[in-house]
C-alpha atoms as a PDB file:
ATOM      1  CA  MET A   1     -40.207   6.765  40.576  1.00  0.00           C
ATOM      2  CA  THR A   2     -42.076   7.510  37.766  1.00  0.00           C
ATOM      3  CA  ARG A   3     -40.499   9.213  35.382  1.00  0.00           C
ATOM      4  CA  ILE A   4     -42.423  12.083  34.961  1.00  0.00           C
ATOM      5  CA  ILE A   5     -41.651  13.927  31.482  1.00  0.00           C
ATOM      6  CA  ALA A   6     -42.672  17.322  29.593  1.00  0.00           C
ATOM      7  CA  ILE A   7     -41.562  17.990  26.172  1.00  0.00           C
ATOM      8  CA  SER A   8     -41.701  20.787  25.302  1.00  0.00           C
ATOM      9  CA  ASN A   9     -41.005  24.689  23.602  1.00  0.00           C
ATOM     10  CA  GLN A  10     -42.208  27.413  22.682  1.00  0.00           C
ATOM     11  CA  LYS A  11     -41.920  27.784  18.811  1.00  0.00           C
ATOM     12  CA  GLY A  12     -44.452  25.751  17.382  1.00  0.00           C
ATOM     13  CA  GLY A  13     -44.176  22.998  14.749  1.00  0.00           C
ATOM     14  CA  VAL A  14     -41.355  21.078  16.169  1.00  0.00           C
ATOM     15  CA  GLY A  15     -43.061  17.978  17.073  1.00  0.00           C
ATOM     16  CA  LYS A  16     -43.236  17.707  20.665  1.00  0.00           C
ATOM     17  CA  THR A  17     -46.970  16.347  20.066  1.00  0.00           C
ATOM     18  CA  SER A  18     -45.670  13.918  17.636  1.00  0.00           C
ATOM     19  CA  THR A  19     -42.200  13.306  20.492  1.00  0.00           C
ATOM     20  CA  ALA A  20     -45.038  12.318  22.654  1.00  0.00           C
ATOM     21  CA  LEU A  21     -47.224  10.071  20.893  1.00  0.00           C
ATOM     22  CA  ASN A  22     -44.368   7.980  19.298  1.00  0.00           C
ATOM     23  CA  LEU A  23     -42.284   7.833  22.554  1.00  0.00           C
ATOM     24  CA  GLY A  24     -44.992   7.030  24.579  1.00  0.00           C
ATOM     25  CA  ALA A  25     -45.590   3.409  22.317  1.00  0.00           C
ATOM     26  CA  CYS A  26     -42.341   2.887  22.184  1.00  0.00           C
ATOM     27  CA  LEU A  27     -41.694   2.944  25.474  1.00  0.00           C
ATOM     28  CA  ALA A  28     -45.045   1.098  25.894  1.00  0.00           C
ATOM     29  CA  GLU A  29     -43.881  -1.671  23.118  1.00  0.00           C
ATOM     30  CA  LYS A  30     -40.805  -1.715  25.336  1.00  0.00           C
ATOM     31  CA  GLY A  31     -43.446  -3.403  28.412  1.00  0.00           C
ATOM     32  CA  LYS A  32     -42.929   0.413  30.236  1.00  0.00           C
ATOM     33  CA  LYS A  33     -46.586   1.055  31.621  1.00  0.00           C
ATOM     34  CA  VAL A  34     -47.162   4.647  29.681  1.00  0.00           C
ATOM     35  CA  LEU A  35     -48.980   7.024  30.944  1.00  0.00           C
ATOM     36  CA  MET A  36     -49.929  10.830  28.554  1.00  0.00           C
ATOM     37  CA  LEU A  37     -51.546  13.923  29.838  1.00  0.00           C
ATOM     38  CA  ASP A  38     -52.109  16.207  26.802  1.00  0.00           C
ATOM     39  CA  LEU A  39     -52.041  19.802  28.331  1.00  0.00           C
ATOM     40  CA  ASP A  40     -52.230  21.979  24.845  1.00  0.00           C
ATOM     41  CA  PRO A  41     -55.478  22.829  23.771  1.00  0.00           C
ATOM     42  CA  GLN A  42     -55.277  21.753  20.709  1.00  0.00           C
ATOM     43  CA  ALA A  43     -55.455  18.723  21.690  1.00  0.00           C
ATOM     44  CA  HIS A  44     -53.695  17.068  18.868  1.00  0.00           C
ATOM     45  CA  LEU A  45     -52.506  13.800  21.024  1.00  0.00           C
ATOM     46  CA  SER A  46     -55.821  13.056  22.160  1.00  0.00           C
ATOM     47  CA  ILE A  47     -56.618  11.540  18.698  1.00  0.00           C
ATOM     48  CA  LYS A  48     -55.689   8.157  19.988  1.00  0.00           C
ATOM     49  CA  GLU A  49     -58.666   7.981  21.106  1.00  0.00           C
ATOM     50  CA  ASP A  50     -58.178   4.685  22.064  1.00  0.00           C
ATOM     51  CA  ILE A  51     -55.892   4.884  24.998  1.00  0.00           C
ATOM     52  CA  TRP A  52     -58.436   7.417  26.684  1.00  0.00           C
ATOM     53  CA  LEU A  53     -58.825   7.310  30.434  1.00  0.00           C
ATOM     54  CA  GLU A  54     -62.373   7.871  30.887  1.00  0.00           C
ATOM     55  CA  GLY A  55     -63.874  10.260  33.294  1.00  0.00           C
ATOM     56  CA  ILE A  56     -61.193  12.459  33.043  1.00  0.00           C
ATOM     57  CA  ASP A  57     -59.592  15.281  30.914  1.00  0.00           C
ATOM     58  CA  GLY A  58     -56.601  17.422  30.942  1.00  0.00           C
ATOM     59  CA  LEU A  59     -59.285  20.691  32.839  1.00  0.00           C
ATOM     60  CA  ALA A  60     -60.668  18.908  35.379  1.00  0.00           C
ATOM     61  CA  PHE A  61     -57.331  16.834  36.650  1.00  0.00           C
ATOM     62  CA  ILE A  62     -55.354  20.147  36.078  1.00  0.00           C
ATOM     63  CA  LYS A  63     -58.037  22.073  38.158  1.00  0.00           C
ATOM     64  CA  GLY A  64     -57.745  19.109  40.397  1.00  0.00           C
ATOM     65  CA  GLU A  65     -61.550  18.638  40.398  1.00  0.00           C
ATOM     66  CA  LYS A  66     -60.838  14.925  39.309  1.00  0.00           C
ATOM     67  CA  GLU A  67     -59.072  12.179  40.971  1.00  0.00           C
ATOM     68  CA  LEU A  68     -56.342   9.641  38.856  1.00  0.00           C
ATOM     69  CA  LYS A  69     -58.118   6.255  38.395  1.00  0.00           C
ATOM     70  CA  SER A  70     -56.148   3.811  36.244  1.00  0.00           C
ATOM     71  CA  ASN A  71     -57.929   1.377  34.047  1.00  0.00           C
ATOM     72  CA  GLY A  72     -55.179  -1.261  34.342  1.00  0.00           C
ATOM     73  CA  ARG A  73     -54.091  -0.570  31.063  1.00  0.00           C
ATOM     74  CA  ASP A  74     -50.446   0.163  30.323  1.00  0.00           C
ATOM     75  CA  PHE A  75     -50.743   3.031  27.666  1.00  0.00           C
ATOM     76  CA  ASN A  76     -53.221   6.149  29.061  1.00  0.00           C
ATOM     77  CA  LEU A  77     -54.187   9.432  28.215  1.00  0.00           C
ATOM     78  CA  ILE A  78     -55.438  11.553  30.031  1.00  0.00           C
ATOM     79  CA  HIS A  79     -57.205  13.274  27.266  1.00  0.00           C
ATOM     80  CA  SER A  80     -58.164  17.196  26.330  1.00  0.00           C
ATOM     81  CA  ASP A  81     -59.776  19.438  24.060  1.00  0.00           C
ATOM     82  CA  LEU A  82     -60.349  23.055  23.178  1.00  0.00           C
ATOM     83  CA  SER A  83     -61.617  23.650  26.814  1.00  0.00           C
ATOM     84  CA  LEU A  84     -58.515  23.611  28.216  1.00  0.00           C
ATOM     85  CA  SER A  85     -57.500  26.726  27.042  1.00  0.00           C
ATOM     86  CA  SER A  86     -59.940  28.646  29.616  1.00  0.00           C
ATOM     87  CA  PHE A  87     -57.213  27.752  32.340  1.00  0.00           C
ATOM     88  CA  GLU A  88     -54.795  30.206  31.021  1.00  0.00           C
ATOM     89  CA  SER A  89     -57.582  32.895  31.822  1.00  0.00           C
ATOM     90  CA  GLU A  90     -59.133  31.395  34.816  1.00  0.00           C
ATOM     91  CA  PHE A  91     -55.157  31.392  36.485  1.00  0.00           C
ATOM     92  CA  SER A  92     -52.808  33.287  35.383  1.00  0.00           C
ATOM     93  CA  ASN A  93     -53.558  35.950  37.559  1.00  0.00           C
ATOM     94  CA  LYS A  94     -54.216  34.006  40.923  1.00  0.00           C
ATOM     95  CA  LEU A  95     -51.235  32.490  43.068  1.00  0.00           C
ATOM     96  CA  GLY A  96     -49.623  29.651  43.107  1.00  0.00           C
ATOM     97  CA  ARG A  97     -50.518  29.695  39.167  1.00  0.00           C
ATOM     98  CA  ASP A  98     -47.520  27.409  37.950  1.00  0.00           C
ATOM     99  CA  GLN A  99     -48.705  24.226  40.381  1.00  0.00           C
ATOM    100  CA  TYR A 100     -51.410  23.092  40.128  1.00  0.00           C
ATOM    101  CA  LEU A 101     -50.045  20.082  38.377  1.00  0.00           C
ATOM    102  CA  GLN A 102     -48.054  19.510  40.690  1.00  0.00           C
ATOM    103  CA  ARG A 103     -50.065  19.887  42.830  1.00  0.00           C
ATOM    104  CA  ALA A 104     -53.025  17.298  40.689  1.00  0.00           C
ATOM    105  CA  ILE A 105     -49.825  14.702  40.261  1.00  0.00           C
ATOM    106  CA  ARG A 106     -49.266  15.190  44.231  1.00  0.00           C
ATOM    107  CA  LYS A 107     -53.246  14.627  44.506  1.00  0.00           C
ATOM    108  CA  SER A 108     -53.403  11.445  42.760  1.00  0.00           C
ATOM    109  CA  GLU A 109     -49.509  10.320  43.998  1.00  0.00           C
ATOM    110  CA  GLU A 110     -50.528   6.562  44.528  1.00  0.00           C
ATOM    111  CA  GLU A 111     -52.322   6.112  40.577  1.00  0.00           C
ATOM    112  CA  ILE A 112     -48.709   7.653  39.271  1.00  0.00           C
ATOM    113  CA  SER A 113     -46.760   5.907  40.790  1.00  0.00           C
ATOM    114  CA  LYS A 114     -48.562   2.358  38.798  1.00  0.00           C
ATOM    115  CA  TYR A 115     -47.011   4.060  36.071  1.00  0.00           C
ATOM    116  CA  ASP A 116     -43.133   3.899  34.806  1.00  0.00           C
ATOM    117  CA  PHE A 117     -43.521   7.025  32.627  1.00  0.00           C
ATOM    118  CA  VAL A 118     -45.952  10.361  32.330  1.00  0.00           C
ATOM    119  CA  LEU A 119     -45.090  12.068  28.583  1.00  0.00           C
ATOM    120  CA  ILE A 120     -46.900  15.465  28.799  1.00  0.00           C
ATOM    121  CA  ASP A 121     -47.558  16.916  25.138  1.00  0.00           C
ATOM    122  CA  THR A 122     -47.162  21.140  25.850  1.00  0.00           C
ATOM    123  CA  PRO A 123     -48.548  24.306  24.067  1.00  0.00           C
ATOM    124  CA  PRO A 124     -46.798  25.831  22.092  1.00  0.00           C
ATOM    125  CA  ASN A 125     -45.561  29.237  23.783  1.00  0.00           C
ATOM    126  CA  LEU A 126     -44.500  30.108  26.906  1.00  0.00           C
ATOM    127  CA  GLY A 127     -47.879  30.657  29.841  1.00  0.00           C
ATOM    128  CA  VAL A 128     -49.074  29.036  32.887  1.00  0.00           C
ATOM    129  CA  LEU A 129     -49.816  26.014  31.321  1.00  0.00           C
ATOM    130  CA  THR A 130     -46.049  25.098  30.090  1.00  0.00           C
ATOM    131  CA  THR A 131     -44.722  26.372  33.393  1.00  0.00           C
ATOM    132  CA  ASN A 132     -47.216  24.420  34.908  1.00  0.00           C
ATOM    133  CA  ALA A 133     -45.282  21.137  33.080  1.00  0.00           C
ATOM    134  CA  LEU A 134     -41.640  22.225  33.575  1.00  0.00           C
ATOM    135  CA  THR A 135     -42.607  22.833  37.652  1.00  0.00           C
ATOM    136  CA  ALA A 136     -44.329  19.149  37.666  1.00  0.00           C
ATOM    137  CA  CYS A 137     -42.042  17.289  35.578  1.00  0.00           C
ATOM    138  CA  ASN A 138     -38.806  15.844  37.070  1.00  0.00           C
ATOM    139  CA  GLU A 139     -36.563  15.385  33.023  1.00  0.00           C
ATOM    140  CA  VAL A 140     -37.610  17.811  30.059  1.00  0.00           C
ATOM    141  CA  VAL A 141     -37.684  17.061  26.476  1.00  0.00           C
ATOM    142  CA  ILE A 142     -36.699  19.838  24.084  1.00  0.00           C
ATOM    143  CA  PRO A 143     -38.129  18.862  20.309  1.00  0.00           C
ATOM    144  CA  VAL A 144     -35.955  21.170  17.860  1.00  0.00           C
ATOM    145  CA  GLN A 145     -35.940  21.305  14.821  1.00  0.00           C
ATOM    146  CA  THR A 146     -32.958  21.568  12.243  1.00  0.00           C
ATOM    147  CA  LEU A 147     -33.346  25.107  11.438  1.00  0.00           C
ATOM    148  CA  GLU A 148     -31.875  28.663  11.840  1.00  0.00           C
ATOM    149  CA  PHE A 149     -35.217  30.264  13.342  1.00  0.00           C
ATOM    150  CA  ALA A 150     -35.978  27.494  15.647  1.00  0.00           C
ATOM    151  CA  LYS A 151     -32.567  26.976  16.596  1.00  0.00           C
ATOM    152  CA  GLN A 152     -32.928  30.842  18.001  1.00  0.00           C
ATOM    153  CA  GLY A 153     -36.104  30.297  19.754  1.00  0.00           C
ATOM    154  CA  LEU A 154     -34.408  27.328  21.524  1.00  0.00           C
ATOM    155  CA  GLU A 155     -32.151  29.584  23.882  1.00  0.00           C
ATOM    156  CA  ILE A 156     -35.411  31.822  24.125  1.00  0.00           C
ATOM    157  CA  PHE A 157     -36.899  28.906  25.869  1.00  0.00           C
ATOM    158  CA  LEU A 158     -33.866  27.299  27.576  1.00  0.00           C
ATOM    159  CA  ALA A 159     -33.891  31.390  29.590  1.00  0.00           C
ATOM    160  CA  MET A 160     -37.371  30.747  30.664  1.00  0.00           C
ATOM    161  CA  PHE A 161     -36.797  26.652  31.597  1.00  0.00           C
ATOM    162  CA  LYS A 162     -34.131  27.304  33.621  1.00  0.00           C
ATOM    163  CA  SER A 163     -35.811  30.492  35.439  1.00  0.00           C
ATOM    164  CA  VAL A 164     -38.305  27.861  36.282  1.00  0.00           C
ATOM    165  CA  GLU A 165     -35.752  25.409  37.094  1.00  0.00           C
ATOM    166  CA  GLU A 166     -34.655  27.486  40.049  1.00  0.00           C
ATOM    167  CA  ILE A 167     -37.570  29.188  40.919  1.00  0.00           C
ATOM    168  CA  LEU A 168     -39.812  26.179  40.664  1.00  0.00           C
ATOM    169  CA  ASN A 169     -38.715  23.087  40.212  1.00  0.00           C
ATOM    170  CA  PRO A 170     -35.265  22.398  41.412  1.00  0.00           C
ATOM    171  CA  ASN A 171     -36.100  18.813  41.235  1.00  0.00           C
ATOM    172  CA  ILE A 172     -35.090  18.356  37.622  1.00  0.00           C
ATOM    173  CA  LYS A 173     -32.985  16.253  36.899  1.00  0.00           C
ATOM    174  CA  SER A 174     -31.974  16.612  33.339  1.00  0.00           C
ATOM    175  CA  TRP A 175     -33.493  17.969  29.782  1.00  0.00           C
ATOM    176  CA  ASN A 176     -32.291  17.236  27.327  1.00  0.00           C
ATOM    177  CA  VAL A 177     -32.531  18.779  23.603  1.00  0.00           C
ATOM    178  CA  LEU A 178     -33.934  16.458  20.852  1.00  0.00           C
ATOM    179  CA  CYS A 179     -33.167  16.988  16.950  1.00  0.00           C
ATOM    180  CA  THR A 180     -36.650  16.652  14.304  1.00  0.00           C
ATOM    181  CA  MET A 181     -37.635  16.618  11.171  1.00  0.00           C
ATOM    182  CA  VAL A 182     -33.646  16.290  10.106  1.00  0.00           C
ATOM    183  CA  ASP A 183     -33.166  15.882   6.472  1.00  0.00           C
ATOM    184  CA  PHE A 184     -29.679  15.777   5.557  1.00  0.00           C
ATOM    185  CA  ARG A 185     -30.601  16.650   2.079  1.00  0.00           C
ATOM    186  CA  ARG A 186     -30.358  20.307   2.961  1.00  0.00           C
ATOM    187  CA  LYS A 187     -26.759  21.565   4.306  1.00  0.00           C
ATOM    188  CA  GLN A 188     -28.391  23.488   6.857  1.00  0.00           C
ATOM    189  CA  ASP A 189     -29.498  20.147   8.422  1.00  0.00           C
ATOM    190  CA  LYS A 190     -26.418  18.846   9.178  1.00  0.00           C
ATOM    191  CA  GLU A 191     -24.383  22.591  10.296  1.00  0.00           C
ATOM    192  CA  ILE A 192     -27.217  23.409  12.597  1.00  0.00           C
ATOM    193  CA  LEU A 193     -26.808  19.340  13.869  1.00  0.00           C
ATOM    194  CA  GLU A 194     -23.403  19.985  14.446  1.00  0.00           C
ATOM    195  CA  GLU A 195     -23.994  22.958  15.830  1.00  0.00           C
ATOM    196  CA  LEU A 196     -26.470  21.933  18.496  1.00  0.00           C
ATOM    197  CA  LYS A 197     -24.100  18.775  19.427  1.00  0.00           C
ATOM    198  CA  ASN A 198     -21.189  21.675  20.391  1.00  0.00           C
ATOM    199  CA  GLU A 199     -23.559  24.562  22.040  1.00  0.00           C
ATOM    200  CA  HIS A 200     -25.316  21.298  24.198  1.00  0.00           C
ATOM    201  CA  LYS A 201     -22.724  18.967  24.854  1.00  0.00           C
ATOM    202  CA  GLY A 202     -24.266  16.488  27.428  1.00  0.00           C
ATOM    203  CA  HIS A 203     -27.761  18.127  26.897  1.00  0.00           C
ATOM    204  CA  ILE A 204     -28.685  16.572  23.619  1.00  0.00           C
ATOM    205  CA  PHE A 205     -29.584  13.320  22.535  1.00  0.00           C
ATOM    206  CA  ASN A 206     -27.533  10.823  19.860  1.00  0.00           C
ATOM    207  CA  THR A 207     -30.583   9.902  18.263  1.00  0.00           C
ATOM    208  CA  PHE A 208     -32.009  12.783  16.237  1.00  0.00           C
ATOM    209  CA  ILE A 209     -35.720  12.042  14.013  1.00  0.00           C
ATOM    210  CA  ARG A 210     -35.469  11.974  10.577  1.00  0.00           C
ATOM    211  CA  THR A 211     -38.133  13.860   8.467  1.00  0.00           C
ATOM    212  CA  ASN A 212     -40.639  10.579   7.683  1.00  0.00           C
ATOM    213  CA  SER A 213     -43.988  10.905   5.431  1.00  0.00           C
ATOM    214  CA  LYS A 214     -45.687   7.755   7.057  1.00  0.00           C
ATOM    215  CA  VAL A 215     -45.099  10.464  10.349  1.00  0.00           C
ATOM    216  CA  ALA A 216     -47.075  12.551   8.781  1.00  0.00           C
ATOM    217  CA  GLU A 217     -49.338  10.381   7.936  1.00  0.00           C
ATOM    218  CA  SER A 218     -49.741   8.434  10.758  1.00  0.00           C
ATOM    219  CA  PRO A 219     -52.188  11.396  12.902  1.00  0.00           C
ATOM    220  CA  ARG A 220     -54.468  11.107   9.647  1.00  0.00           C
ATOM    221  CA  ALA A 221     -55.079   7.230  10.728  1.00  0.00           C
ATOM    222  CA  GLN A 222     -55.842   8.831  14.356  1.00  0.00           C
ATOM    223  CA  THR A 223     -52.465   6.400  15.750  1.00  0.00           C
ATOM    224  CA  ASP A 224     -48.697   6.037  16.171  1.00  0.00           C
ATOM    225  CA  VAL A 225     -46.076   5.792  14.003  1.00  0.00           C
ATOM    226  CA  LEU A 226     -45.249   1.967  15.289  1.00  0.00           C
ATOM    227  CA  SER A 227     -49.148   1.285  15.010  1.00  0.00           C
ATOM    228  CA  TYR A 228     -49.496   2.733  11.512  1.00  0.00           C
ATOM    229  CA  ALA A 229     -46.164   1.531  10.013  1.00  0.00           C
ATOM    230  CA  LYS A 230     -43.722  -0.058  12.533  1.00  0.00           C
ATOM    231  CA  ASN A 231     -40.897  -0.480   9.826  1.00  0.00           C
ATOM    232  CA  ARG A 232     -40.632   3.507   9.549  1.00  0.00           C
ATOM    233  CA  ALA A 233     -40.982   3.834  13.680  1.00  0.00           C
ATOM    234  CA  GLU A 234     -37.378   3.581  13.384  1.00  0.00           C
ATOM    235  CA  ASP A 235     -35.994   6.584  14.742  1.00  0.00           C
ATOM    236  CA  TYR A 236     -38.665   6.210  18.064  1.00  0.00           C
ATOM    237  CA  ILE A 237     -37.823   3.204  18.991  1.00  0.00           C
ATOM    238  CA  ASN A 238     -34.199   4.246  18.874  1.00  0.00           C
ATOM    239  CA  LEU A 239     -35.302   7.367  21.420  1.00  0.00           C
ATOM    240  CA  ALA A 240     -37.201   5.283  23.330  1.00  0.00           C
ATOM    241  CA  GLU A 241     -33.714   3.147  23.910  1.00  0.00           C
ATOM    242  CA  GLU A 242     -31.398   6.484  24.767  1.00  0.00           C
ATOM    243  CA  VAL A 243     -34.222   7.708  27.012  1.00  0.00           C
ATOM    244  CA  LEU A 244     -34.524   4.198  28.922  1.00  0.00           C
ATOM    245  CA  LYS A 245     -30.701   4.458  29.156  1.00  0.00           C
ATOM    246  CA  ASN A 246     -30.536   7.202  30.455  1.00  0.00           C
ATOM    247  CA  ASP A 247     -32.345   6.717  33.461  1.00  0.00           C
ATOM    248  CA  LYS A 248     -31.237   9.310  36.409  1.00  0.00           C
ATOM    249  CA  ASN A 249     -33.792   8.016  39.473  1.00  0.00           C
END
């Protein structure tokens, strides 16, 4: 069964796109077939143009205008651009507005089943695109910085997520917090990391992502950190190994 993972948090700047891109690259490196979907109109995930699927984009896919057709490669991306922002205004008042992505995935079920993973990068808000991702997935990864405001924002996201889980998607198998941009030179990072581990026991990755200049530089080269500086990709390699170990299918 394909593991469809929404990488989501309503707070911006917590590393959602970096998590999607670098986790996807590390899973592909380990021999898994990975499809990434850029569901954020900012389209930062779409910088990696060398893995774009031709003839389809995020807006056309979620609206059901185009079905997925694989190209035989093991690492692909349904790219997006700013036009995706029109989905919010066009569909926010329509019946079933939260289930368009779910229907699109079902429509392309045969092609989706060729992948081991679908990773969905979501916008930094609690809008219709985010709820579509949470309704369509079977797992959720929630990146959170080890900062007080980010920790408070996590509680807001979890309240919304649990409502989606209860009403729209009871098939979610797991959700896990991923601590990102951890800098142990700051006392609060150590404290908040421990608080998150205690408060979300059983729902937090053992792996955490440390601040890393090569991760910050790699988007400028329009690629992932594994391709840019493999010797600095250790945290994401460890995350991929933990994700594989946590397979609940």
